[in-house]
Amino acid sequence: MELKQTNKVRHIITLTTGQYDHLYNIMCSQEEIIDYLNESDDFDPQTFDNLFDEICAAKETYLPWQQKQNLPPMTIKVENNKVLCNKNGNKFIDLLGDLGWDYQCMTSSGRETYDEIMQMLGVIEPDEVYMEID
């Protein structure tokens, strides 16, 4: 597949923080990548440098959710080492617990996020993981 582009076209991708970190780390090993890509006839070092500059200049953004319904209030509060919730907060925490059944199917980034949430809620200890994966 060949991409045709003009100066007016921009490709925007949405990445999680974990995905961005992986991309950044890959791009930081430029010498290895450039050695490999130099063997290709269509490799343009300037385009590669521009790509790296754009990755380094990336800014975090939060995309607005399109609300199609009125959401009921949800409260989850941690106070004095206790998790305090309203009805919807309890349901949310129960759903997070159910999500643990899919822990093995999650990406490593998803597992890290899940572990962090469960640590914040006191379900697991700091620096502990929900489940050891070999």
C-alpha atoms as a PDB file:
ATOM      1  CA  MET A   1       0.000   0.000   0.000  1.00  0.00           C
ATOM      2  CA  GLU A   2       1.393   3.361  -0.976  1.00  0.00           C
ATOM      3  CA  LEU A   3       0.428   6.530   0.825  1.00  0.00           C
ATOM      4  CA  LYS A   4       0.116   9.692  -1.200  1.00  0.00           C
ATOM      5  CA  GLN A   5       0.173  12.880   0.738  1.00  0.00           C
ATOM      6  CA  THR A   6       0.328  16.589   0.282  1.00  0.00           C
ATOM      7  CA  ASN A   7       1.522  19.251   2.666  1.00  0.00           C
ATOM      8  CA  LYS A   8      -2.098  19.885   3.663  1.00  0.00           C
ATOM      9  CA  VAL A   9      -2.676  16.337   4.925  1.00  0.00           C
ATOM     10  CA  ARG A  10      -1.899  15.408   8.512  1.00  0.00           C
ATOM     11  CA  HIS A  11      -2.312  11.986  10.080  1.00  0.00           C
ATOM     12  CA  ILE A  12      -3.421  12.145  13.688  1.00  0.00           C
ATOM     13  CA  ILE A  13      -3.123   9.054  15.847  1.00  0.00           C
ATOM     14  CA  THR A  14      -4.436   8.567  19.344  1.00  0.00           C
ATOM     15  CA  LEU A  15      -2.128   6.757  21.742  1.00  0.00           C
ATOM     16  CA  THR A  16      -2.344   5.801  25.352  1.00  0.00           C
ATOM     17  CA  THR A  17       0.475   7.024  27.566  1.00  0.00           C
ATOM     18  CA  GLY A  18       1.961   3.517  27.528  1.00  0.00           C
ATOM     19  CA  GLN A  19       1.846   3.345  23.724  1.00  0.00           C
ATOM     20  CA  TYR A  20       3.404   6.800  23.451  1.00  0.00           C
ATOM     21  CA  ASP A  21       6.194   5.752  25.839  1.00  0.00           C
ATOM     22  CA  HIS A  22       6.914   2.676  23.703  1.00  0.00           C
ATOM     23  CA  LEU A  23       6.997   4.747  20.518  1.00  0.00           C
ATOM     24  CA  TYR A  24       9.268   7.320  22.142  1.00  0.00           C
ATOM     25  CA  ASN A  25      11.652   4.606  23.372  1.00  0.00           C
ATOM     26  CA  ILE A  26      11.761   3.016  19.933  1.00  0.00           C
ATOM     27  CA  MET A  27      12.530   6.337  18.317  1.00  0.00           C
ATOM     28  CA  CYS A  28      15.257   7.021  20.886  1.00  0.00           C
ATOM     29  CA  SER A  29      17.187   4.043  19.552  1.00  0.00           C
ATOM     30  CA  GLN A  30      17.613   5.967  16.279  1.00  0.00           C
ATOM     31  CA  GLU A  31      21.083   4.707  15.438  1.00  0.00           C
ATOM     32  CA  GLU A  32      19.917   1.103  15.267  1.00  0.00           C
ATOM     33  CA  ILE A  33      16.797   2.059  13.314  1.00  0.00           C
ATOM     34  CA  ILE A  34      18.642   4.312  10.870  1.00  0.00           C
ATOM     35  CA  ASP A  35      21.234   1.600  10.160  1.00  0.00           C
ATOM     36  CA  TYR A  36      18.408  -0.775   9.307  1.00  0.00           C
ATOM     37  CA  LEU A  37      16.408   1.771   7.278  1.00  0.00           C
ATOM     38  CA  ASN A  38      19.425   3.004   5.310  1.00  0.00           C
ATOM     39  CA  GLU A  39      19.323  -0.332   3.523  1.00  0.00           C
ATOM     40  CA  SER A  40      15.918   0.645   2.102  1.00  0.00           C
ATOM     41  CA  ASP A  41      15.723   2.598  -1.152  1.00  0.00           C
ATOM     42  CA  ASP A  42      12.827   4.780  -0.016  1.00  0.00           C
ATOM     43  CA  PHE A  43      14.235   5.848   3.388  1.00  0.00           C
ATOM     44  CA  ASP A  44      14.401   9.612   3.837  1.00  0.00           C
ATOM     45  CA  PRO A  45      16.507  10.669   6.869  1.00  0.00           C
ATOM     46  CA  GLN A  46      14.898  14.122   6.949  1.00  0.00           C
ATOM     47  CA  THR A  47      11.406  12.636   7.184  1.00  0.00           C
ATOM     48  CA  PHE A  48      12.633  10.379   9.996  1.00  0.00           C
ATOM     49  CA  ASP A  49      14.130  13.368  11.847  1.00  0.00           C
ATOM     50  CA  ASN A  50      10.881  15.316  11.389  1.00  0.00           C
ATOM     51  CA  LEU A  51       8.923  12.357  12.761  1.00  0.00           C
ATOM     52  CA  PHE A  52      11.151  12.222  15.838  1.00  0.00           C
ATOM     53  CA  ASP A  53      10.759  15.992  16.349  1.00  0.00           C
ATOM     54  CA  GLU A  54       6.958  15.646  16.212  1.00  0.00           C
ATOM     55  CA  ILE A  55       6.982  12.773  18.705  1.00  0.00           C
ATOM     56  CA  CYS A  56       9.105  14.831  21.100  1.00  0.00           C
ATOM     57  CA  ALA A  57       6.755  17.804  20.690  1.00  0.00           C
ATOM     58  CA  ALA A  58       3.598  15.756  21.337  1.00  0.00           C
ATOM     59  CA  LYS A  59       1.092  17.242  23.743  1.00  0.00           C
ATOM     60  CA  GLU A  60      -1.422  15.400  25.876  1.00  0.00           C
ATOM     61  CA  THR A  61      -5.046  16.070  25.142  1.00  0.00           C
ATOM     62  CA  TYR A  62      -8.364  14.824  26.369  1.00  0.00           C
ATOM     63  CA  LEU A  63     -10.894  14.196  23.670  1.00  0.00           C
ATOM     64  CA  PRO A  64     -14.444  15.165  24.601  1.00  0.00           C
ATOM     65  CA  TRP A  65     -16.845  12.285  25.026  1.00  0.00           C
ATOM     66  CA  GLN A  66     -20.086  12.612  23.204  1.00  0.00           C
ATOM     67  CA  GLN A  67     -22.701  12.215  25.903  1.00  0.00           C
ATOM     68  CA  LYS A  68     -25.853  10.611  24.629  1.00  0.00           C
ATOM     69  CA  GLN A  69     -27.551  10.395  27.978  1.00  0.00           C
ATOM     70  CA  ASN A  70     -27.706  12.097  31.326  1.00  0.00           C
ATOM     71  CA  LEU A  71     -25.226  10.341  33.549  1.00  0.00           C
ATOM     72  CA  PRO A  72     -26.196   9.672  37.151  1.00  0.00           C
ATOM     73  CA  PRO A  73     -23.859  11.082  39.799  1.00  0.00           C
ATOM     74  CA  MET A  74     -21.025   8.811  40.851  1.00  0.00           C
ATOM     75  CA  THR A  75     -18.865   9.321  43.910  1.00  0.00           C
ATOM     76  CA  ILE A  76     -15.735   7.426  44.853  1.00  0.00           C
ATOM     77  CA  LYS A  77     -13.748   8.934  47.659  1.00  0.00           C
ATOM     78  CA  VAL A  78     -10.797   7.666  49.659  1.00  0.00           C
ATOM     79  CA  GLU A  79     -10.700   9.082  53.178  1.00  0.00           C
ATOM     80  CA  ASN A  80      -8.871   7.808  56.260  1.00  0.00           C
ATOM     81  CA  ASN A  81      -7.761   4.689  54.361  1.00  0.00           C
ATOM     82  CA  LYS A  82     -11.385   3.809  53.479  1.00  0.00           C
ATOM     83  CA  VAL A  83     -13.123   3.862  50.116  1.00  0.00           C
ATOM     84  CA  LEU A  84     -16.441   5.666  50.357  1.00  0.00           C
ATOM     85  CA  CYS A  85     -18.892   5.380  47.454  1.00  0.00           C
ATOM     86  CA  ASN A  86     -22.429   6.119  46.479  1.00  0.00           C
ATOM     87  CA  LYS A  87     -24.530   3.470  44.681  1.00  0.00           C
ATOM     88  CA  ASN A  88     -22.964   4.141  41.265  1.00  0.00           C
ATOM     89  CA  GLY A  89     -19.467   4.284  42.742  1.00  0.00           C
ATOM     90  CA  ASN A  90     -20.013   0.825  44.242  1.00  0.00           C
ATOM     91  CA  LYS A  91     -21.233  -0.460  40.882  1.00  0.00           C
ATOM     92  CA  PHE A  92     -18.157   1.038  39.184  1.00  0.00           C
ATOM     93  CA  ILE A  93     -15.808  -0.683  41.649  1.00  0.00           C
ATOM     94  CA  ASP A  94     -17.696  -3.972  41.167  1.00  0.00           C
ATOM     95  CA  LEU A  95     -17.250  -3.630  37.401  1.00  0.00           C
ATOM     96  CA  LEU A  96     -13.532  -3.005  37.886  1.00  0.00           C
ATOM     97  CA  GLY A  97     -13.392  -6.210  39.902  1.00  0.00           C
ATOM     98  CA  ASP A  98     -15.174  -8.063  37.090  1.00  0.00           C
ATOM     99  CA  LEU A  99     -12.635  -6.644  34.641  1.00  0.00           C
ATOM    100  CA  GLY A 100      -9.971  -8.516  36.607  1.00  0.00           C
ATOM    101  CA  TRP A 101     -11.238 -11.729  35.003  1.00  0.00           C
ATOM    102  CA  ASP A 102      -9.747 -10.421  31.738  1.00  0.00           C
ATOM    103  CA  TYR A 103      -6.425  -9.417  33.304  1.00  0.00           C
ATOM    104  CA  GLN A 104      -4.490 -12.107  31.417  1.00  0.00           C
ATOM    105  CA  CYS A 105      -5.903 -10.855  28.100  1.00  0.00           C
ATOM    106  CA  MET A 106      -4.855  -7.241  28.710  1.00  0.00           C
ATOM    107  CA  THR A 107      -1.793  -5.680  27.136  1.00  0.00           C
ATOM    108  CA  SER A 108       1.081  -4.972  29.497  1.00  0.00           C
ATOM    109  CA  SER A 109       0.053  -1.298  29.427  1.00  0.00           C
ATOM    110  CA  GLY A 110      -3.538  -2.245  30.292  1.00  0.00           C
ATOM    111  CA  ARG A 111      -2.347  -4.425  33.181  1.00  0.00           C
ATOM    112  CA  GLU A 112      -0.181  -1.569  34.504  1.00  0.00           C
ATOM    113  CA  THR A 113      -3.176   0.771  34.412  1.00  0.00           C
ATOM    114  CA  TYR A 114      -5.425  -1.814  36.063  1.00  0.00           C
ATOM    115  CA  ASP A 115      -2.816  -2.438  38.785  1.00  0.00           C
ATOM    116  CA  GLU A 116      -2.534   1.298  39.434  1.00  0.00           C
ATOM    117  CA  ILE A 117      -6.311   1.677  39.751  1.00  0.00           C
ATOM    118  CA  MET A 118      -6.527  -1.286  42.123  1.00  0.00           C
ATOM    119  CA  GLN A 119      -3.648   0.120  44.178  1.00  0.00           C
ATOM    120  CA  MET A 120      -5.423   3.477  44.399  1.00  0.00           C
ATOM    121  CA  LEU A 121      -8.532   1.715  45.685  1.00  0.00           C
ATOM    122  CA  GLY A 122      -6.519  -0.307  48.206  1.00  0.00           C
ATOM    123  CA  VAL A 123      -7.457  -3.633  46.623  1.00  0.00           C
ATOM    124  CA  ILE A 124      -3.766  -4.480  46.221  1.00  0.00           C
ATOM    125  CA  GLU A 125      -0.703  -3.086  47.965  1.00  0.00           C
ATOM    126  CA  PRO A 126       1.514  -0.424  46.323  1.00  0.00           C
ATOM    127  CA  ASP A 127       4.025  -2.049  43.946  1.00  0.00           C
ATOM    128  CA  GLU A 128       1.932  -5.244  43.948  1.00  0.00           C
ATOM    129  CA  VAL A 129       0.354  -6.587  40.753  1.00  0.00           C
ATOM    130  CA  TYR A 130      -3.146  -8.008  40.512  1.00  0.00           C
ATOM    131  CA  MET A 131      -1.879 -11.265  39.020  1.00  0.00           C
ATOM    132  CA  GLU A 132       1.549 -12.599  38.129  1.00  0.00           C
ATOM    133  CA  ILE A 133       1.800 -13.277  34.372  1.00  0.00           C
ATOM    134  CA  ASP A 134       4.602 -15.517  33.075  1.00  0.00           C
END
